[in-house]
């Protein structure tokens, strides 16, 4: 589970979690049902963070730089387990 202290301890601009999903529509309310997606969670310049999604064939760096940001709080928690303090630092 991601905590605020873990965010504070990370270097800025770090990708700290990644994954793939085929339930993009249900999990992140983006893209079509069944489309294979890659997601990355990255720490920001301060101890904030965000998750980005893109087509599966994109690299992690490309996803981080050009992917679509996940905004839905339930979707965020489905992808990265986090406590309330860490969720409060999510960059909208």
Protein backbone atom coordinates (compact mmCIF):
# COMPACT_ATOMS: atom_id res chain seq x y z
CA UNK A 1 0.00 0.00 0.00
CA UNK A 2 1.37 3.40 -1.02
CA UNK A 3 1.84 5.80 1.89
CA UNK A 4 2.67 9.49 2.15
CA UNK A 5 6.02 8.61 3.69
CA UNK A 6 6.88 6.40 0.73
CA UNK A 7 6.08 9.28 -1.61
CA UNK A 8 8.30 11.60 0.41
CA UNK A 9 11.15 9.07 0.30
CA UNK A 10 11.03 8.65 -3.52
CA UNK A 11 13.12 10.62 -5.95
CA UNK A 12 11.10 13.09 -8.04
CA UNK A 13 9.95 11.89 -11.48
CA UNK A 14 10.19 8.20 -10.49
CA UNK A 15 7.93 5.57 -12.06
CA UNK A 16 7.09 3.48 -9.00
CA UNK A 17 4.36 1.15 -10.27
CA UNK A 18 3.32 -0.19 -13.66
CA UNK A 19 0.86 -2.63 -15.06
CA UNK A 20 -1.33 -3.69 -17.91
CA UNK A 21 -5.08 -4.04 -18.06
CA UNK A 22 -7.63 -5.15 -20.60
CA UNK A 23 -10.55 -3.72 -18.67
CA UNK A 24 -9.72 -0.11 -19.43
CA UNK A 25 -13.35 0.90 -19.69
CA UNK A 26 -14.24 -0.60 -16.31
CA UNK A 27 -10.99 0.13 -14.47
CA UNK A 28 -10.13 3.59 -15.68
CA UNK A 29 -13.21 4.68 -17.66
CA UNK A 30 -11.05 5.26 -20.72
CA UNK A 31 -10.76 3.65 -24.13
CA UNK A 32 -12.97 0.83 -25.32
CA UNK A 33 -13.83 -2.42 -23.63
CA UNK A 34 -11.20 -5.08 -24.18
CA UNK A 35 -8.45 -2.74 -25.38
CA UNK A 36 -5.06 -3.65 -23.91
CA UNK A 37 -3.64 -0.74 -21.93
CA UNK A 38 -0.41 0.03 -20.10
CA UNK A 39 -0.44 2.22 -17.00
CA UNK A 40 2.32 3.87 -15.00
CA UNK A 41 2.26 5.59 -11.62
CA UNK A 42 4.83 8.34 -11.21
CA UNK A 43 5.91 10.67 -8.46
CA UNK A 44 5.88 14.37 -9.27
CA UNK A 45 8.31 17.16 -8.45
CA UNK A 46 7.03 17.37 -4.91
CA UNK A 47 5.59 14.39 -3.05
CA UNK A 48 2.54 14.29 -5.33
CA UNK A 49 1.83 11.56 -7.89
CA UNK A 50 -0.30 10.58 -10.87
CA UNK A 51 -1.25 7.57 -13.00
CA UNK A 52 -1.19 7.67 -16.80
CA UNK A 53 -2.65 5.14 -19.25
CA UNK A 54 -1.96 4.51 -22.93
CA UNK A 55 -2.14 1.70 -25.49
CA UNK A 56 -0.16 -1.37 -24.43
CA UNK A 57 2.40 -1.01 -27.21
CA UNK A 58 3.62 2.34 -25.80
CA UNK A 59 6.75 2.26 -23.61
CA UNK A 60 6.55 3.18 -19.93
CA UNK A 61 8.34 6.48 -20.64
CA UNK A 62 6.01 7.30 -23.56
CA UNK A 63 3.01 6.49 -21.37
CA UNK A 64 4.37 8.72 -18.60
CA UNK A 65 5.02 11.61 -20.99
CA UNK A 66 2.02 11.37 -23.32
CA UNK A 67 -0.58 9.10 -21.71
CA UNK A 68 -3.97 10.11 -20.41
CA UNK A 69 -4.15 10.93 -16.70
CA UNK A 70 -6.55 8.89 -14.59
CA UNK A 71 -8.85 11.23 -12.62
CA UNK A 72 -11.47 8.95 -11.11
CA UNK A 73 -10.61 8.19 -7.45
CA UNK A 74 -12.08 4.68 -7.55
CA UNK A 75 -10.05 3.87 -10.65
CA UNK A 76 -6.89 5.24 -9.02
CA UNK A 77 -7.39 2.95 -6.03
CA UNK A 78 -8.02 -0.06 -8.32
CA UNK A 79 -4.64 0.45 -9.97
CA UNK A 80 -2.51 1.54 -6.98
CA UNK A 81 -3.45 0.54 -3.46
CA UNK A 82 -2.91 3.63 -1.31
CA UNK A 83 -3.86 5.07 2.03
CA UNK A 84 -5.97 8.24 2.38
CA UNK A 85 -2.95 10.50 2.90
CA UNK A 86 -1.28 9.26 -0.28
CA UNK A 87 -4.55 9.53 -2.21
CA UNK A 88 -4.80 13.11 -0.97
CA UNK A 89 -1.50 13.85 -2.71
CA UNK A 90 -2.76 12.62 -6.09
CA UNK A 91 -2.18 15.34 -8.70
CA UNK A 92 -5.51 16.13 -10.40
